[in-house]
Amino acid sequence: MNPLVATVSETTKGIHNRFSALRIAVIWFILLVEAIGWLREIHEFGSCAVHFWCCVRQQAHRPIDGGGRLLRQHGPGRRPMYKRGAGNGASRSRA
Protein backbone atom coordinates (compact mmCIF):
# COMPACT_ATOMS: atom_id res chain seq x y z
CA MET A 1 0.00 0.00 0.00
CA ASN A 2 1.19 3.46 -0.79
CA PRO A 3 2.54 5.19 2.37
CA LEU A 4 0.95 8.49 1.35
CA VAL A 5 -2.49 6.89 1.10
CA ALA A 6 -2.01 5.24 4.48
CA THR A 7 -1.04 8.57 6.04
CA VAL A 8 -4.04 10.36 4.54
CA SER A 9 -6.30 7.54 5.66
CA GLU A 10 -4.92 7.66 9.22
CA THR A 11 -5.27 11.45 9.29
CA THR A 12 -8.84 11.25 8.06
CA LYS A 13 -9.61 8.61 10.67
CA GLY A 14 -8.09 10.81 13.39
CA ILE A 15 -10.14 13.83 12.29
CA HIS A 16 -13.26 11.69 12.18
CA ASN A 17 -12.56 10.41 15.70
CA ARG A 18 -12.06 13.96 16.96
CA PHE A 19 -15.34 15.10 15.43
CA SER A 20 -17.05 12.06 16.87
CA ALA A 21 -15.71 12.87 20.34
CA LEU A 22 -16.76 16.50 19.92
CA ARG A 23 -20.23 15.42 18.83
CA ILE A 24 -20.54 13.16 21.88
CA ALA A 25 -19.37 15.99 24.16
CA VAL A 26 -21.94 18.39 22.65
CA ILE A 27 -24.73 15.84 23.08
CA TRP A 28 -23.75 15.27 26.73
CA PHE A 29 -23.64 19.04 27.33
CA ILE A 30 -27.14 19.47 25.86
CA LEU A 31 -28.44 16.59 27.98
CA LEU A 32 -26.88 18.15 31.08
CA VAL A 33 -28.50 21.52 30.37
CA GLU A 34 -31.86 19.84 29.78
CA ALA A 35 -31.54 17.84 33.00
CA ILE A 36 -30.80 21.02 34.97
CA GLY A 37 -33.92 22.61 33.44
CA TRP A 38 -36.04 19.60 34.37
CA LEU A 39 -34.71 19.65 37.92
CA ARG A 40 -35.55 23.34 38.23
CA GLU A 41 -39.10 22.73 37.04
CA ILE A 42 -39.51 19.80 39.43
CA HIS A 43 -38.17 21.90 42.31
CA GLU A 44 -40.47 24.80 41.41
CA PHE A 45 -43.49 22.51 41.24
CA GLY A 46 -42.46 20.86 44.51
CA SER A 47 -42.17 24.14 46.39
CA CYS A 48 -45.55 25.26 45.01
CA ALA A 49 -47.08 21.98 46.15
CA VAL A 50 -45.53 22.31 49.61
CA HIS A 51 -46.77 25.90 49.89
CA PHE A 52 -50.27 24.83 48.83
CA TRP A 53 -50.27 21.95 51.33
CA CYS A 54 -49.13 24.22 54.17
CA CYS A 55 -51.87 26.73 53.33
CA VAL A 56 -54.50 23.99 53.30
CA ARG A 57 -53.30 22.65 56.65
CA GLN A 58 -53.25 26.15 58.15
CA GLN A 59 -56.80 26.82 56.95
CA ALA A 60 -57.94 23.53 58.50
CA HIS A 61 -56.86 24.73 61.96
CA ARG A 62 -58.69 28.06 61.78
CA PRO A 63 -62.24 28.37 63.10
CA ILE A 64 -64.91 28.62 60.41
CA ASP A 65 -67.01 31.27 62.19
CA GLY A 66 -64.10 33.72 62.26
CA GLY A 67 -64.57 34.58 65.93
CA GLY A 68 -62.64 33.98 69.08
CA ARG A 69 -59.09 34.43 70.24
CA LEU A 70 -57.24 33.33 67.10
CA LEU A 71 -58.26 36.37 65.09
CA ARG A 72 -57.91 39.00 67.78
CA GLN A 73 -56.46 42.38 66.93
CA HIS A 74 -54.95 44.82 69.33
CA GLY A 75 -56.95 47.95 69.86
CA PRO A 76 -55.68 51.29 71.08
CA GLY A 77 -53.26 51.00 73.97
CA ARG A 78 -52.46 47.38 73.06
CA ARG A 79 -55.70 46.16 74.62
CA PRO A 80 -56.99 43.09 72.82
CA MET A 81 -60.05 43.84 70.75
CA TYR A 82 -61.83 40.69 69.69
CA LYS A 83 -63.40 40.37 66.25
CA ARG A 84 -66.88 39.39 67.33
CA GLY A 85 -67.75 42.62 69.09
CA ALA A 86 -65.18 44.93 67.56
CA GLY A 87 -66.20 48.54 67.27
CA ASN A 88 -68.38 48.76 70.36
CA GLY A 89 -65.65 48.56 72.99
CA ALA A 90 -65.77 44.80 73.18
CA SER A 91 -64.01 43.36 76.17
CA ARG A 92 -62.80 39.91 77.07
CA SER A 93 -65.95 39.17 79.08
CA ARG A 94 -68.28 39.78 76.12
CA ALA A 95 -66.31 37.75 73.57
C-alpha atoms as a PDB file:
ATOM      1  CA  MET A   1       0.000   0.000   0.000  1.00  0.00           C
ATOM      2  CA  ASN A   2       1.189   3.463  -0.790  1.00  0.00           C
ATOM      3  CA  PRO A   3       2.540   5.189   2.370  1.00  0.00           C
ATOM      4  CA  LEU A   4       0.948   8.487   1.348  1.00  0.00           C
ATOM      5  CA  VAL A   5      -2.487   6.889   1.096  1.00  0.00           C
ATOM      6  CA  ALA A   6      -2.010   5.239   4.481  1.00  0.00           C
ATOM      7  CA  THR A   7      -1.041   8.574   6.045  1.00  0.00           C
ATOM      8  CA  VAL A   8      -4.040  10.358   4.545  1.00  0.00           C
ATOM      9  CA  SER A   9      -6.296   7.537   5.663  1.00  0.00           C
ATOM     10  CA  GLU A  10      -4.921   7.659   9.221  1.00  0.00           C
ATOM     11  CA  THR A  11      -5.269  11.448   9.289  1.00  0.00           C
ATOM     12  CA  THR A  12      -8.841  11.255   8.058  1.00  0.00           C
ATOM     13  CA  LYS A  13      -9.612   8.614  10.666  1.00  0.00           C
ATOM     14  CA  GLY A  14      -8.086  10.808  13.391  1.00  0.00           C
ATOM     15  CA  ILE A  15     -10.139  13.828  12.294  1.00  0.00           C
ATOM     16  CA  HIS A  16     -13.259  11.685  12.181  1.00  0.00           C
ATOM     17  CA  ASN A  17     -12.565  10.406  15.701  1.00  0.00           C
ATOM     18  CA  ARG A  18     -12.056  13.959  16.955  1.00  0.00           C
ATOM     19  CA  PHE A  19     -15.338  15.100  15.433  1.00  0.00           C
ATOM     20  CA  SER A  20     -17.046  12.057  16.866  1.00  0.00           C
ATOM     21  CA  ALA A  21     -15.714  12.871  20.339  1.00  0.00           C
ATOM     22  CA  LEU A  22     -16.764  16.503  19.919  1.00  0.00           C
ATOM     23  CA  ARG A  23     -20.232  15.417  18.832  1.00  0.00           C
ATOM     24  CA  ILE A  24     -20.541  13.164  21.882  1.00  0.00           C
ATOM     25  CA  ALA A  25     -19.369  15.993  24.163  1.00  0.00           C
ATOM     26  CA  VAL A  26     -21.937  18.392  22.653  1.00  0.00           C
ATOM     27  CA  ILE A  27     -24.730  15.838  23.082  1.00  0.00           C
ATOM     28  CA  TRP A  28     -23.752  15.272  26.728  1.00  0.00           C
ATOM     29  CA  PHE A  29     -23.642  19.035  27.330  1.00  0.00           C
ATOM     30  CA  ILE A  30     -27.139  19.465  25.857  1.00  0.00           C
ATOM     31  CA  LEU A  31     -28.445  16.586  27.977  1.00  0.00           C
ATOM     32  CA  LEU A  32     -26.883  18.146  31.080  1.00  0.00           C
ATOM     33  CA  VAL A  33     -28.498  21.523  30.370  1.00  0.00           C
ATOM     34  CA  GLU A  34     -31.859  19.840  29.780  1.00  0.00           C
ATOM     35  CA  ALA A  35     -31.542  17.837  33.004  1.00  0.00           C
ATOM     36  CA  ILE A  36     -30.803  21.022  34.970  1.00  0.00           C
ATOM     37  CA  GLY A  37     -33.917  22.612  33.438  1.00  0.00           C
ATOM     38  CA  TRP A  38     -36.037  19.603  34.366  1.00  0.00           C
ATOM     39  CA  LEU A  39     -34.708  19.647  37.922  1.00  0.00           C
ATOM     40  CA  ARG A  40     -35.546  23.344  38.232  1.00  0.00           C
ATOM     41  CA  GLU A  41     -39.097  22.729  37.042  1.00  0.00           C
ATOM     42  CA  ILE A  42     -39.512  19.796  39.433  1.00  0.00           C
ATOM     43  CA  HIS A  43     -38.169  21.903  42.313  1.00  0.00           C
ATOM     44  CA  GLU A  44     -40.465  24.804  41.412  1.00  0.00           C
ATOM     45  CA  PHE A  45     -43.487  22.514  41.239  1.00  0.00           C
ATOM     46  CA  GLY A  46     -42.463  20.862  44.511  1.00  0.00           C
ATOM     47  CA  SER A  47     -42.168  24.140  46.385  1.00  0.00           C
ATOM     48  CA  CYS A  48     -45.550  25.260  45.009  1.00  0.00           C
ATOM     49  CA  ALA A  49     -47.082  21.980  46.149  1.00  0.00           C
ATOM     50  CA  VAL A  50     -45.526  22.310  49.613  1.00  0.00           C
ATOM     51  CA  HIS A  51     -46.769  25.903  49.887  1.00  0.00           C
ATOM     52  CA  PHE A  52     -50.266  24.833  48.834  1.00  0.00           C
ATOM     53  CA  TRP A  53     -50.266  21.949  51.331  1.00  0.00           C
ATOM     54  CA  CYS A  54     -49.126  24.224  54.174  1.00  0.00           C
ATOM     55  CA  CYS A  55     -51.869  26.734  53.330  1.00  0.00           C
ATOM     56  CA  VAL A  56     -54.500  23.987  53.295  1.00  0.00           C
ATOM     57  CA  ARG A  57     -53.296  22.652  56.653  1.00  0.00           C
ATOM     58  CA  GLN A  58     -53.247  26.145  58.152  1.00  0.00           C
ATOM     59  CA  GLN A  59     -56.802  26.820  56.953  1.00  0.00           C
ATOM     60  CA  ALA A  60     -57.941  23.534  58.498  1.00  0.00           C
ATOM     61  CA  HIS A  61     -56.859  24.727  61.957  1.00  0.00           C
ATOM     62  CA  ARG A  62     -58.687  28.062  61.783  1.00  0.00           C
ATOM     63  CA  PRO A  63     -62.238  28.371  63.097  1.00  0.00           C
ATOM     64  CA  ILE A  64     -64.905  28.621  60.407  1.00  0.00           C
ATOM     65  CA  ASP A  65     -67.006  31.270  62.185  1.00  0.00           C
ATOM     66  CA  GLY A  66     -64.100  33.715  62.263  1.00  0.00           C
ATOM     67  CA  GLY A  67     -64.571  34.584  65.927  1.00  0.00           C
ATOM     68  CA  GLY A  68     -62.643  33.984  69.083  1.00  0.00           C
ATOM     69  CA  ARG A  69     -59.089  34.431  70.238  1.00  0.00           C
ATOM     70  CA  LEU A  70     -57.243  33.328  67.101  1.00  0.00           C
ATOM     71  CA  LEU A  71     -58.265  36.370  65.086  1.00  0.00           C
ATOM     72  CA  ARG A  72     -57.910  39.005  67.778  1.00  0.00           C
ATOM     73  CA  GLN A  73     -56.455  42.377  66.933  1.00  0.00           C
ATOM     74  CA  HIS A  74     -54.950  44.816  69.327  1.00  0.00           C
ATOM     75  CA  GLY A  75     -56.954  47.953  69.859  1.00  0.00           C
ATOM     76  CA  PRO A  76     -55.677  51.294  71.083  1.00  0.00           C
ATOM     77  CA  GLY A  77     -53.265  51.000  73.974  1.00  0.00           C
ATOM     78  CA  ARG A  78     -52.455  47.385  73.063  1.00  0.00           C
ATOM     79  CA  ARG A  79     -55.698  46.158  74.620  1.00  0.00           C
ATOM     80  CA  PRO A  80     -56.989  43.094  72.818  1.00  0.00           C
ATOM     81  CA  MET A  81     -60.049  43.842  70.748  1.00  0.00           C
ATOM     82  CA  TYR A  82     -61.829  40.694  69.690  1.00  0.00           C
ATOM     83  CA  LYS A  83     -63.397  40.374  66.254  1.00  0.00           C
ATOM     84  CA  ARG A  84     -66.875  39.394  67.327  1.00  0.00           C
ATOM     85  CA  GLY A  85     -67.752  42.619  69.086  1.00  0.00           C
ATOM     86  CA  ALA A  86     -65.180  44.926  67.557  1.00  0.00           C
ATOM     87  CA  GLY A  87     -66.199  48.538  67.270  1.00  0.00           C
ATOM     88  CA  ASN A  88     -68.380  48.761  70.362  1.00  0.00           C
ATOM     89  CA  GLY A  89     -65.654  48.561  72.992  1.00  0.00           C
ATOM     90  CA  ALA A  90     -65.772  44.798  73.179  1.00  0.00           C
ATOM     91  CA  SER A  91     -64.007  43.358  76.169  1.00  0.00           C
ATOM     92  CA  ARG A  92     -62.800  39.911  77.072  1.00  0.00           C
ATOM     93  CA  SER A  93     -65.949  39.175  79.079  1.00  0.00           C
ATOM     94  CA  ARG A  94     -68.276  39.776  76.122  1.00  0.00           C
ATOM     95  CA  ALA A  95     -66.311  37.753  73.567  1.00  0.00           C
END
